[in-house]
């Protein structure tokens, strides 16, 4: 059996390998009837399976008629699944390549996403959402380039700490927040971060992806 430590080491290597081969060209993939083009530096939903797992789970919670924020949209896959399920979707990403990628994929698939470049909530003013969904960067390491922003959260999880501090200001009264995390992580660190602002991470479901177990989490 491959240890969690080895798996944690593999994922940054996979990202670098994908960036190396995808830096100068777009790649296409087809997922659940949607044909997506993935631009260089944008998190690839085939190469990293957490996006598809997350999208499937979120649809299962019932999204019809809800205002949905796809935070860190990447290729747009989560937002596109949500829009197809009847949600009104705002899709944001710090990476301008991702914003354009999600926008073009929405046009290609005939679905509607309001796509914006945003550092977490910076472009959202006082908007409120029924669902905030984020596939966050997992690892405590400084970000060296736009592609790594999808994987690294800063040396002391600075991005996660900012999210935990600010998310409640963008929720409707009965709004929900969902994350997807690897069970290889030390979730106690994450619980401490959210506990400091009076929140907790509640594991709602787990799903296997290759050698890894992913946790679908609601922030309570």
Protein backbone atom coordinates (compact mmCIF):
# COMPACT_ATOMS: atom_id res chain seq x y z
CA UNK A 1 0.00 0.00 0.00
CA UNK A 2 1.27 3.48 -0.87
CA UNK A 3 1.49 5.74 2.16
CA UNK A 4 -0.26 9.08 2.49
CA UNK A 5 3.14 10.77 2.55
CA UNK A 6 4.04 9.32 -0.83
CA UNK A 7 0.68 10.34 -2.26
CA UNK A 8 1.15 13.88 -0.95
CA UNK A 9 4.50 14.00 -2.72
CA UNK A 10 3.05 12.71 -5.98
CA UNK A 11 0.41 15.41 -6.48
CA UNK A 12 2.72 18.44 -6.82
CA UNK A 13 4.81 16.36 -9.24
CA UNK A 14 1.70 15.59 -11.28
CA UNK A 15 0.86 19.29 -11.43
CA UNK A 16 4.36 20.20 -12.62
CA UNK A 17 4.25 17.42 -15.23
CA UNK A 18 0.90 18.63 -16.55
CA UNK A 19 2.06 22.25 -16.64
CA UNK A 20 5.17 21.21 -18.55
CA UNK A 21 3.17 19.43 -21.25
CA UNK A 22 0.23 21.86 -21.34
CA UNK A 23 2.00 25.22 -21.04
CA UNK A 24 1.90 26.11 -24.73
CA UNK A 25 -1.34 24.52 -25.87
CA UNK A 26 -4.94 23.96 -24.88
CA UNK A 27 -6.11 20.48 -23.99
CA UNK A 28 -9.63 19.14 -24.49
CA UNK A 29 -11.56 16.64 -22.44
CA UNK A 30 -15.14 15.35 -22.29
CA UNK A 31 -16.83 14.80 -18.92
CA UNK A 32 -20.43 13.66 -18.45
CA UNK A 33 -21.53 15.01 -21.82
CA UNK A 34 -19.63 18.30 -21.53
CA UNK A 35 -16.71 19.02 -23.84
CA UNK A 36 -14.23 21.25 -22.06
CA UNK A 37 -11.12 23.02 -23.25
CA UNK A 38 -8.50 23.47 -20.54
CA UNK A 39 -5.99 26.29 -20.94
CA UNK A 40 -2.39 26.21 -19.74
CA UNK A 41 -1.99 26.81 -15.94
CA UNK A 42 -5.66 25.84 -15.36
CA UNK A 43 -6.47 22.93 -13.01
CA UNK A 44 -7.36 19.99 -15.27
CA UNK A 45 -10.48 18.01 -14.23
CA UNK A 46 -9.20 14.77 -15.77
CA UNK A 47 -5.70 15.03 -14.42
CA UNK A 48 -6.99 15.80 -10.92
CA UNK A 49 -10.23 13.94 -10.23
CA UNK A 50 -11.40 15.95 -7.21
CA UNK A 51 -13.28 18.42 -9.46
CA UNK A 52 -15.57 15.75 -10.94
CA UNK A 53 -16.17 14.15 -7.53
CA UNK A 54 -17.04 17.56 -6.09
CA UNK A 55 -19.34 18.49 -8.96
CA UNK A 56 -21.28 15.21 -8.72
CA UNK A 57 -21.71 15.58 -4.96
CA UNK A 58 -22.90 19.18 -5.14
CA UNK A 59 -25.53 18.33 -7.73
CA UNK A 60 -26.81 15.59 -5.40
CA UNK A 61 -27.52 18.20 -2.68
CA UNK A 62 -30.20 19.88 -4.85
CA UNK A 63 -29.20 23.13 -6.55
CA UNK A 64 -32.25 24.11 -8.60
CA UNK A 65 -33.07 27.79 -8.11
CA UNK A 66 -30.11 28.45 -5.82
CA UNK A 67 -27.52 31.20 -6.10
CA UNK A 68 -24.25 29.33 -6.38
CA UNK A 69 -20.67 30.59 -6.05
CA UNK A 70 -18.04 28.42 -7.74
CA UNK A 71 -14.91 29.67 -5.99
CA UNK A 72 -11.66 28.85 -7.80
CA UNK A 73 -13.60 27.74 -10.87
CA UNK A 74 -10.63 26.53 -12.96
CA UNK A 75 -12.06 24.96 -16.12
CA UNK A 76 -15.57 25.78 -14.89
CA UNK A 77 -16.60 22.16 -14.40
CA UNK A 78 -18.22 22.62 -10.96
CA UNK A 79 -20.09 25.72 -12.04
CA UNK A 80 -21.24 24.07 -15.27
CA UNK A 81 -22.63 21.06 -13.42
CA UNK A 82 -24.40 23.45 -11.03
CA UNK A 83 -25.84 25.53 -13.88
CA UNK A 84 -27.05 22.39 -15.62
CA UNK A 85 -28.78 21.44 -12.34
CA UNK A 86 -30.69 24.74 -12.31
CA UNK A 87 -28.49 27.03 -10.21
CA UNK A 88 -27.65 30.65 -10.99
CA UNK A 89 -23.85 30.51 -11.01
CA UNK A 90 -21.12 33.03 -10.37
CA UNK A 91 -17.70 31.52 -11.16
CA UNK A 92 -14.53 33.22 -9.92
CA UNK A 93 -10.82 32.52 -10.00
CA UNK A 94 -7.62 34.43 -9.23
CA UNK A 95 -6.10 33.07 -12.45
CA UNK A 96 -7.25 35.10 -15.51
CA UNK A 97 -6.57 32.08 -17.73
CA UNK A 98 -9.08 30.13 -15.66
CA UNK A 99 -11.69 32.89 -15.92
CA UNK A 100 -11.43 32.90 -19.71
CA UNK A 101 -11.36 29.09 -19.76
CA UNK A 102 -14.57 28.82 -17.73
CA UNK A 103 -16.22 31.53 -19.82
CA UNK A 104 -15.39 29.83 -23.12
CA UNK A 105 -16.49 26.44 -21.80
CA UNK A 106 -19.82 27.93 -20.73
CA UNK A 107 -20.32 29.37 -24.22
CA UNK A 108 -19.37 26.05 -25.81
CA UNK A 109 -21.78 24.05 -23.67
CA UNK A 110 -24.67 26.52 -23.88
CA UNK A 111 -24.72 27.05 -20.11
CA UNK A 112 -24.60 30.39 -18.29
CA UNK A 113 -21.79 31.34 -15.90
CA UNK A 114 -21.06 34.84 -14.61
CA UNK A 115 -17.25 34.58 -14.76
CA UNK A 116 -15.00 37.06 -12.93
CA UNK A 117 -11.39 37.35 -11.90
CA UNK A 118 -11.33 37.48 -8.11
CA UNK A 119 -8.96 36.80 -5.24
CA UNK A 120 -11.43 34.80 -3.14
CA UNK A 121 -14.31 37.28 -2.59
CA UNK A 122 -12.59 40.47 -3.79
CA UNK A 123 -14.81 40.97 -6.88
CA UNK A 124 -18.13 40.14 -5.22
CA UNK A 125 -19.05 43.34 -3.32
CA UNK A 126 -22.03 42.56 -1.07
CA UNK A 127 -23.52 39.65 -3.05
CA UNK A 128 -25.02 36.72 -1.15
CA UNK A 129 -25.13 33.05 -2.15
CA UNK A 130 -27.15 30.02 -1.12
CA UNK A 131 -24.16 27.76 -1.81
CA UNK A 132 -20.45 28.51 -1.79
CA UNK A 133 -18.35 25.66 -3.22
CA UNK A 134 -14.56 25.59 -3.15
CA UNK A 135 -12.03 22.97 -4.15
CA UNK A 136 -9.27 24.68 -2.15
CA UNK A 137 -5.49 24.50 -2.42
CA UNK A 138 -4.42 21.75 -0.06
CA UNK A 139 -0.77 22.31 0.77
CA UNK A 140 0.96 24.82 3.10
CA UNK A 141 3.51 26.18 0.67
CA UNK A 142 4.10 29.57 -1.01
CA UNK A 143 2.63 30.02 -4.50
CA UNK A 144 5.25 30.36 -7.23
CA UNK A 145 3.00 30.80 -10.28
CA UNK A 146 -0.63 30.94 -11.36
CA UNK A 147 -0.93 27.18 -11.82
CA UNK A 148 0.34 26.51 -8.30
CA UNK A 149 -2.38 28.76 -6.84
CA UNK A 150 -4.75 25.81 -7.35
CA UNK A 151 -2.59 23.61 -5.12
CA UNK A 152 -0.67 25.74 -2.60
CA UNK A 153 -2.37 27.81 0.13
CA UNK A 154 0.60 29.79 1.44
CA UNK A 155 3.20 28.84 4.02
CA UNK A 156 0.74 29.05 6.93
CA UNK A 157 -2.48 28.39 4.97
CA UNK A 158 -2.95 32.14 4.51
CA UNK A 159 -5.54 31.67 1.75
CA UNK A 160 -7.57 29.27 3.88
CA UNK A 161 -7.43 31.64 6.85
CA UNK A 162 -8.75 34.51 4.71
CA UNK A 163 -11.58 32.34 3.42
CA UNK A 164 -12.53 31.21 6.94
CA UNK A 165 -12.54 34.82 8.12
CA UNK A 166 -14.69 36.18 5.27
CA UNK A 167 -17.09 33.54 3.92
CA UNK A 168 -20.00 34.24 6.27
CA UNK A 169 -20.39 37.73 4.81
CA UNK A 170 -21.34 36.23 1.44
CA UNK A 171 -23.93 33.68 2.58
CA UNK A 172 -27.71 33.97 2.67
CA UNK A 173 -29.23 33.22 6.12
CA UNK A 174 -29.59 29.52 5.34
CA UNK A 175 -26.61 29.31 3.01
CA UNK A 176 -24.21 26.38 2.88
CA UNK A 177 -20.47 26.09 2.28
CA UNK A 178 -18.89 22.97 0.81
CA UNK A 179 -15.24 22.00 0.41
CA UNK A 180 -13.47 18.92 -0.90
CA UNK A 181 -10.28 17.83 0.85
CA UNK A 182 -7.93 14.88 0.78
CA UNK A 183 -8.10 12.57 3.78
CA UNK A 184 -4.28 12.46 3.57
CA UNK A 185 -4.25 15.98 5.02
CA UNK A 186 -3.97 16.71 8.72
CA UNK A 187 -7.58 17.83 9.09
CA UNK A 188 -6.90 18.97 12.66
CA UNK A 189 -5.01 21.96 11.21
CA UNK A 190 -8.04 22.87 9.12
CA UNK A 191 -10.43 22.35 12.05
CA UNK A 192 -8.30 24.73 14.11
CA UNK A 193 -8.38 27.40 11.40
CA UNK A 194 -12.16 27.26 11.08
CA UNK A 195 -12.65 26.83 14.82
CA UNK A 196 -10.98 30.19 15.38
CA UNK A 197 -13.94 31.84 13.62
CA UNK A 198 -16.60 29.68 15.27
CA UNK A 199 -17.01 27.14 12.46
CA UNK A 200 -16.39 23.42 12.10
CA UNK A 201 -15.69 21.01 9.23
CA UNK A 202 -18.29 18.25 8.93
CA UNK A 203 -17.42 15.28 6.70
CA UNK A 204 -20.60 14.46 4.79
CA UNK A 205 -19.24 11.78 2.44
CA UNK A 206 -16.00 10.22 1.24
CA UNK A 207 -15.08 9.07 -2.26
CA UNK A 208 -12.06 7.23 -3.59
CA UNK A 209 -10.01 8.68 -6.41
CA UNK A 210 -7.28 6.27 -7.43
CA UNK A 211 -5.05 5.82 -4.39
CA UNK A 212 -6.59 8.71 -2.49
CA UNK A 213 -9.74 9.23 -0.43
CA UNK A 214 -11.51 12.55 -0.86
CA UNK A 215 -13.75 14.03 1.82
CA UNK A 216 -16.85 16.06 0.89
CA UNK A 217 -17.09 18.60 3.69
CA UNK A 218 -19.74 21.06 4.82
CA UNK A 219 -18.62 24.01 6.89
CA UNK A 220 -20.95 24.26 9.87
